[in-house]
Amino acid sequence: MDPTRAHKKVPMPKLDRRACLGPDGAVAHVTRCLKMINGRWKLPILFRLYADGIQRSSQFLRDIPEVSQKMLTQHLRELEIDGLIKRTDFGEKIPRVEYCLTDRGEALMPVLLAARQFSEDHDQAT
């Protein structure tokens, strides 16, 4: 078997397993990506920002009625820490905060859209 076929063309010099399983291997990078989007409300947040560009937290609460303010705030903070979204506080007397995708968040969206397409293409799988 071709060694690159098993790892979807991950460069593997002479079957060096570290290219896939090491601390800087493919598995570690994919795991890191999955941790960034792990959370019940992170994907809905990212897709809303992708669709609309800029959102305020009150709009998220309207668009995602099942989410609590606490969980929304927690997920927004985590996405900001991971560099996927940007928070802009206008420092006004009546608080006004807006969120948008960062370049890093924009770069993630084709991956999420591909995952969506994969799911649609394989929805009958058991």
N, C-alpha and C. Protein backbone atom coordinates (compact mmCIF):
# COMPACT_ATOMS: atom_id res chain seq x y z
N MET A 1 0.85 -1.18 0.00
CA MET A 1 0.00 0.00 0.00
C MET A 1 0.89 1.24 0.00
N ASP A 2 0.51 2.20 -0.78
CA ASP A 2 1.23 3.47 -0.85
C ASP A 2 1.12 4.17 0.50
N PRO A 3 2.25 4.51 1.17
CA PRO A 3 2.18 5.09 2.52
C PRO A 3 1.45 6.44 2.56
N THR A 4 1.45 7.19 1.47
CA THR A 4 0.77 8.48 1.51
C THR A 4 -0.74 8.32 1.39
N ARG A 5 -1.21 7.24 0.78
CA ARG A 5 -2.65 7.03 0.63
C ARG A 5 -3.33 6.89 1.98
N ALA A 6 -2.71 6.22 2.91
CA ALA A 6 -3.30 6.00 4.23
C ALA A 6 -3.45 7.29 5.00
N HIS A 7 -2.70 8.28 4.66
CA HIS A 7 -2.73 9.53 5.41
C HIS A 7 -3.14 10.72 4.55
N LYS A 8 -3.86 10.44 3.46
CA LYS A 8 -4.38 11.50 2.59
C LYS A 8 -3.31 12.49 2.19
N LYS A 9 -2.21 11.96 1.71
CA LYS A 9 -1.12 12.76 1.16
C LYS A 9 -0.37 13.59 2.19
N VAL A 10 -0.42 13.19 3.46
CA VAL A 10 0.41 13.82 4.48
C VAL A 10 1.84 13.44 4.17
N PRO A 11 2.76 14.41 4.06
CA PRO A 11 4.14 14.05 3.76
C PRO A 11 4.70 13.11 4.83
N MET A 12 5.21 11.97 4.40
CA MET A 12 5.72 10.98 5.34
C MET A 12 7.06 10.46 4.84
N PRO A 13 8.16 11.12 5.20
CA PRO A 13 9.45 10.63 4.76
C PRO A 13 9.76 9.26 5.35
N LYS A 14 9.88 8.25 4.49
CA LYS A 14 10.24 6.89 4.90
C LYS A 14 9.38 6.36 6.04
N LEU A 15 8.06 6.54 5.94
CA LEU A 15 7.10 6.05 6.92
C LEU A 15 7.35 6.58 8.33
N ASP A 16 7.78 7.79 8.44
CA ASP A 16 7.99 8.42 9.76
C ASP A 16 6.62 8.70 10.37
N ARG A 17 6.24 7.96 11.38
CA ARG A 17 4.91 8.07 11.99
C ARG A 17 4.69 9.42 12.67
N ARG A 18 5.76 10.13 13.00
CA ARG A 18 5.61 11.43 13.65
C ARG A 18 4.90 12.43 12.74
N ALA A 19 5.00 12.24 11.41
CA ALA A 19 4.33 13.14 10.49
C ALA A 19 2.82 13.10 10.69
N CYS A 20 2.35 11.99 11.24
CA CYS A 20 0.92 11.87 11.47
C CYS A 20 0.58 11.89 12.96
N LEU A 21 1.37 11.21 13.76
CA LEU A 21 1.01 11.01 15.16
C LEU A 21 1.84 11.81 16.16
N GLY A 22 2.89 12.46 15.72
CA GLY A 22 3.74 13.19 16.64
C GLY A 22 3.09 14.46 17.17
N PRO A 23 3.77 15.17 18.06
CA PRO A 23 3.21 16.38 18.68
C PRO A 23 2.95 17.50 17.67
N ASP A 24 3.60 17.44 16.52
CA ASP A 24 3.35 18.43 15.48
C ASP A 24 2.79 17.76 14.22
N GLY A 25 2.19 16.58 14.41
CA GLY A 25 1.67 15.81 13.29
C GLY A 25 0.25 16.20 12.93
N ALA A 26 -0.26 15.55 11.90
CA ALA A 26 -1.59 15.84 11.37
C ALA A 26 -2.68 15.66 12.43
N VAL A 27 -2.58 14.62 13.22
CA VAL A 27 -3.60 14.35 14.24
C VAL A 27 -3.65 15.48 15.26
N ALA A 28 -2.49 15.94 15.68
CA ALA A 28 -2.44 17.02 16.67
C ALA A 28 -3.06 18.30 16.12
N HIS A 29 -2.80 18.60 14.86
CA HIS A 29 -3.36 19.83 14.28
C HIS A 29 -4.87 19.75 14.10
N VAL A 30 -5.36 18.59 13.66
CA VAL A 30 -6.81 18.44 13.50
C VAL A 30 -7.49 18.48 14.86
N THR A 31 -6.88 17.85 15.86
CA THR A 31 -7.44 17.88 17.23
C THR A 31 -7.52 19.32 17.74
N ARG A 32 -6.47 20.10 17.49
CA ARG A 32 -6.45 21.50 17.91
C ARG A 32 -7.59 22.28 17.26
N CYS A 33 -7.81 22.03 15.99
CA CYS A 33 -8.89 22.70 15.26
C CYS A 33 -10.25 22.31 15.84
N LEU A 34 -10.44 21.02 16.11
CA LEU A 34 -11.71 20.55 16.65
C LEU A 34 -11.98 21.13 18.04
N LYS A 35 -10.93 21.30 18.83
CA LYS A 35 -11.10 21.91 20.16
C LYS A 35 -11.57 23.35 20.05
N MET A 36 -11.12 24.06 19.02
CA MET A 36 -11.53 25.46 18.83
C MET A 36 -13.03 25.58 18.57
N ILE A 37 -13.61 24.59 17.88
CA ILE A 37 -15.03 24.69 17.52
C ILE A 37 -15.90 23.79 18.39
N ASN A 38 -15.30 23.14 19.40
CA ASN A 38 -16.05 22.27 20.28
C ASN A 38 -16.88 23.11 21.25
N GLY A 39 -18.15 22.88 21.26
CA GLY A 39 -19.08 23.61 22.11
C GLY A 39 -20.40 23.72 21.37
N ARG A 40 -21.46 23.55 22.07
CA ARG A 40 -22.78 23.47 21.44
C ARG A 40 -23.12 24.69 20.59
N TRP A 41 -22.66 25.87 20.98
CA TRP A 41 -23.09 27.10 20.31
C TRP A 41 -22.02 27.73 19.43
N LYS A 42 -20.83 27.16 19.39
CA LYS A 42 -19.76 27.78 18.61
C LYS A 42 -20.03 27.73 17.11
N LEU A 43 -20.48 26.60 16.60
CA LEU A 43 -20.78 26.54 15.17
C LEU A 43 -21.91 27.47 14.77
N PRO A 44 -23.03 27.51 15.52
CA PRO A 44 -24.06 28.48 15.16
C PRO A 44 -23.54 29.92 15.17
N ILE A 45 -22.68 30.25 16.13
CA ILE A 45 -22.10 31.59 16.19
C ILE A 45 -21.26 31.86 14.96
N LEU A 46 -20.39 30.93 14.61
CA LEU A 46 -19.51 31.11 13.46
C LEU A 46 -20.31 31.22 12.16
N PHE A 47 -21.32 30.39 11.99
CA PHE A 47 -22.12 30.46 10.76
C PHE A 47 -22.94 31.74 10.69
N ARG A 48 -23.42 32.23 11.83
CA ARG A 48 -24.16 33.52 11.82
C ARG A 48 -23.22 34.65 11.42
N LEU A 49 -22.01 34.66 11.96
CA LEU A 49 -21.05 35.70 11.60
C LEU A 49 -20.63 35.58 10.14
N TYR A 50 -20.52 34.37 9.64
CA TYR A 50 -20.16 34.17 8.24
C TYR A 50 -21.27 34.70 7.33
N ALA A 51 -22.51 34.46 7.73
CA ALA A 51 -23.65 34.88 6.91
C ALA A 51 -23.89 36.39 6.97
N ASP A 52 -23.73 36.97 8.15
CA ASP A 52 -24.13 38.37 8.35
C ASP A 52 -22.98 39.34 8.54
N GLY A 53 -21.78 38.85 8.72
CA GLY A 53 -20.64 39.76 8.88
C GLY A 53 -20.46 40.22 10.31
N ILE A 54 -21.25 41.17 10.74
CA ILE A 54 -21.13 41.74 12.08
C ILE A 54 -22.41 41.47 12.85
N GLN A 55 -22.25 41.07 14.12
CA GLN A 55 -23.41 40.80 14.97
C GLN A 55 -23.16 41.35 16.36
N ARG A 56 -24.24 41.74 16.99
CA ARG A 56 -24.22 42.10 18.40
C ARG A 56 -24.76 40.91 19.19
N SER A 57 -24.43 40.85 20.47
CA SER A 57 -24.87 39.69 21.25
C SER A 57 -26.39 39.58 21.31
N SER A 58 -27.09 40.70 21.31
CA SER A 58 -28.56 40.65 21.33
C SER A 58 -29.10 39.98 20.06
N GLN A 59 -28.41 40.17 18.94
CA GLN A 59 -28.85 39.52 17.70
C GLN A 59 -28.60 38.01 17.76
N PHE A 60 -27.49 37.61 18.37
CA PHE A 60 -27.25 36.17 18.56
C PHE A 60 -28.37 35.55 19.39
N LEU A 61 -28.78 36.26 20.45
CA LEU A 61 -29.84 35.73 21.31
C LEU A 61 -31.16 35.61 20.56
N ARG A 62 -31.40 36.50 19.60
CA ARG A 62 -32.62 36.39 18.78
C ARG A 62 -32.50 35.25 17.76
N ASP A 63 -31.34 35.12 17.16
CA ASP A 63 -31.13 34.10 16.13
C ASP A 63 -30.99 32.69 16.69
N ILE A 64 -30.47 32.59 17.90
CA ILE A 64 -30.26 31.29 18.55
C ILE A 64 -31.00 31.31 19.88
N PRO A 65 -32.33 31.20 19.86
CA PRO A 65 -33.12 31.40 21.09
C PRO A 65 -32.84 30.40 22.20
N GLU A 66 -32.27 29.24 21.88
CA GLU A 66 -32.02 28.23 22.91
C GLU A 66 -30.81 28.56 23.79
N VAL A 67 -29.92 29.44 23.33
CA VAL A 67 -28.69 29.73 24.06
C VAL A 67 -28.97 30.72 25.19
N SER A 68 -28.34 30.48 26.33
CA SER A 68 -28.46 31.41 27.44
C SER A 68 -27.42 32.52 27.29
N GLN A 69 -27.63 33.62 27.95
CA GLN A 69 -26.67 34.72 27.91
C GLN A 69 -25.31 34.26 28.42
N LYS A 70 -25.32 33.46 29.49
CA LYS A 70 -24.07 32.97 30.07
C LYS A 70 -23.29 32.13 29.07
N MET A 71 -23.95 31.18 28.42
CA MET A 71 -23.27 30.31 27.47
C MET A 71 -22.83 31.07 26.23
N LEU A 72 -23.65 32.01 25.78
CA LEU A 72 -23.27 32.82 24.64
C LEU A 72 -22.00 33.60 24.94
N THR A 73 -21.97 34.24 26.10
CA THR A 73 -20.79 35.01 26.51
C THR A 73 -19.56 34.12 26.61
N GLN A 74 -19.72 32.94 27.20
CA GLN A 74 -18.60 32.01 27.36
C GLN A 74 -18.05 31.59 26.00
N HIS A 75 -18.93 31.21 25.09
CA HIS A 75 -18.47 30.76 23.77
C HIS A 75 -17.88 31.90 22.96
N LEU A 76 -18.44 33.09 23.07
CA LEU A 76 -17.87 34.24 22.36
C LEU A 76 -16.45 34.52 22.88
N ARG A 77 -16.26 34.43 24.19
CA ARG A 77 -14.93 34.66 24.76
C ARG A 77 -13.93 33.60 24.28
N GLU A 78 -14.36 32.35 24.27
CA GLU A 78 -13.46 31.27 23.83
C GLU A 78 -13.09 31.43 22.36
N LEU A 79 -14.07 31.79 21.53
CA LEU A 79 -13.78 32.00 20.10
C LEU A 79 -12.83 33.18 19.91
N GLU A 80 -13.00 34.20 20.75
CA GLU A 80 -12.09 35.35 20.68
C GLU A 80 -10.68 34.96 21.11
N ILE A 81 -10.56 34.20 22.18
CA ILE A 81 -9.25 33.75 22.67
C ILE A 81 -8.54 32.91 21.60
N ASP A 82 -9.31 32.08 20.89
CA ASP A 82 -8.73 31.25 19.83
C ASP A 82 -8.45 32.02 18.55
N GLY A 83 -8.84 33.30 18.53
CA GLY A 83 -8.54 34.14 17.38
C GLY A 83 -9.47 33.95 16.20
N LEU A 84 -10.64 33.34 16.43
CA LEU A 84 -11.58 33.12 15.34
C LEU A 84 -12.55 34.29 15.15
N ILE A 85 -12.81 35.02 16.22
CA ILE A 85 -13.67 36.20 16.12
C ILE A 85 -13.00 37.39 16.78
N LYS A 86 -13.48 38.56 16.41
CA LYS A 86 -12.97 39.80 16.98
C LYS A 86 -14.13 40.50 17.69
N ARG A 87 -13.85 40.99 18.88
CA ARG A 87 -14.83 41.72 19.67
C ARG A 87 -14.45 43.19 19.64
N THR A 88 -15.42 44.03 19.27
CA THR A 88 -15.20 45.47 19.24
C THR A 88 -16.12 46.12 20.25
N ASP A 89 -15.53 46.73 21.28
CA ASP A 89 -16.29 47.45 22.30
C ASP A 89 -16.16 48.93 21.98
N PHE A 90 -17.28 49.59 21.77
CA PHE A 90 -17.26 50.99 21.38
C PHE A 90 -17.12 51.93 22.57
N GLY A 91 -17.14 51.39 23.79
CA GLY A 91 -16.92 52.19 24.99
C GLY A 91 -17.94 53.28 25.20
N GLU A 92 -19.15 53.05 24.79
CA GLU A 92 -20.21 54.05 24.94
C GLU A 92 -20.93 53.85 26.27
N LYS A 93 -21.65 54.89 26.68
CA LYS A 93 -22.40 54.87 27.95
C LYS A 93 -23.37 53.69 27.97
N ILE A 94 -24.17 53.56 26.92
CA ILE A 94 -24.99 52.37 26.77
C ILE A 94 -24.11 51.38 26.01
N PRO A 95 -23.72 50.28 26.67
CA PRO A 95 -22.73 49.38 26.07
C PRO A 95 -23.12 48.91 24.66
N ARG A 96 -22.14 49.01 23.75
CA ARG A 96 -22.34 48.52 22.39
C ARG A 96 -21.10 47.71 22.02
N VAL A 97 -21.31 46.41 21.80
CA VAL A 97 -20.23 45.50 21.46
C VAL A 97 -20.65 44.75 20.20
N GLU A 98 -19.73 44.64 19.26
CA GLU A 98 -19.99 43.91 18.02
C GLU A 98 -18.94 42.83 17.83
N TYR A 99 -19.34 41.78 17.13
CA TYR A 99 -18.46 40.66 16.85
C TYR A 99 -18.40 40.43 15.35
N CYS A 100 -17.22 40.02 14.88
CA CYS A 100 -17.05 39.65 13.48
C CYS A 100 -15.98 38.57 13.39
N LEU A 101 -15.95 37.88 12.26
CA LEU A 101 -14.91 36.88 12.03
C LEU A 101 -13.57 37.56 11.79
N THR A 102 -12.51 36.96 12.28
CA THR A 102 -11.16 37.42 11.97
C THR A 102 -10.73 36.73 10.67
N ASP A 103 -9.56 37.08 10.17
CA ASP A 103 -9.03 36.39 9.00
C ASP A 103 -8.89 34.90 9.27
N ARG A 104 -8.50 34.58 10.48
CA ARG A 104 -8.37 33.18 10.89
C ARG A 104 -9.73 32.48 10.87
N GLY A 105 -10.76 33.16 11.36
CA GLY A 105 -12.11 32.62 11.33
C GLY A 105 -12.61 32.45 9.91
N GLU A 106 -12.32 33.43 9.05
CA GLU A 106 -12.70 33.34 7.63
C GLU A 106 -12.01 32.15 6.98
N ALA A 107 -10.75 31.91 7.34
CA ALA A 107 -10.00 30.79 6.76
C ALA A 107 -10.57 29.44 7.19
N LEU A 108 -11.20 29.39 8.36
CA LEU A 108 -11.80 28.16 8.85
C LEU A 108 -13.11 27.83 8.13
N MET A 109 -13.81 28.81 7.64
CA MET A 109 -15.14 28.59 7.09
C MET A 109 -15.18 27.62 5.91
N PRO A 110 -14.23 27.64 4.97
CA PRO A 110 -14.28 26.63 3.90
C PRO A 110 -14.18 25.20 4.44
N VAL A 111 -13.46 25.01 5.54
CA VAL A 111 -13.37 23.70 6.17
C VAL A 111 -14.73 23.30 6.72
N LEU A 112 -15.41 24.23 7.40
CA LEU A 112 -16.72 23.94 7.96
C LEU A 112 -17.76 23.71 6.86
N LEU A 113 -17.67 24.48 5.79
CA LEU A 113 -18.58 24.28 4.67
C LEU A 113 -18.33 22.94 3.99
N ALA A 114 -17.06 22.52 3.91
CA ALA A 114 -16.74 21.20 3.36
C ALA A 114 -17.29 20.10 4.26
N ALA A 115 -17.22 20.29 5.57
CA ALA A 115 -17.79 19.31 6.51
C ALA A 115 -19.31 19.23 6.31
N ARG A 116 -19.93 20.37 6.11
CA ARG A 116 -21.37 20.41 5.85
C ARG A 116 -21.70 19.64 4.57
N GLN A 117 -20.94 19.88 3.52
CA GLN A 117 -21.16 19.20 2.24
C GLN A 117 -20.94 17.70 2.39
N PHE A 118 -19.92 17.31 3.13
CA PHE A 118 -19.66 15.90 3.39
C PHE A 118 -20.88 15.26 4.06
N SER A 119 -21.43 15.94 5.06
CA SER A 119 -22.60 15.43 5.78
C SER A 119 -23.80 15.29 4.85
N GLU A 120 -24.01 16.30 4.00
CA GLU A 120 -25.13 16.22 3.06
C GLU A 120 -24.95 15.07 2.07
N ASP A 121 -23.71 14.88 1.61
CA ASP A 121 -23.43 13.82 0.63
C ASP A 121 -23.53 12.43 1.24
N HIS A 122 -23.35 12.33 2.54
CA HIS A 122 -23.34 11.03 3.21
C HIS A 122 -24.41 10.92 4.29
N ASP A 123 -25.53 11.56 4.08
CA ASP A 123 -26.58 11.57 5.12
C ASP A 123 -27.26 10.23 5.29
N GLN A 124 -27.12 9.33 4.37
CA GLN A 124 -27.76 8.01 4.49
C GLN A 124 -26.83 6.97 5.09
N ALA A 125 -25.61 7.37 5.41
CA ALA A 125 -24.64 6.41 5.96
C ALA A 125 -25.07 5.96 7.35
N THR A 126 -24.75 4.74 7.68
CA THR A 126 -25.10 4.23 9.01
C THR A 126 -23.89 4.09 9.87
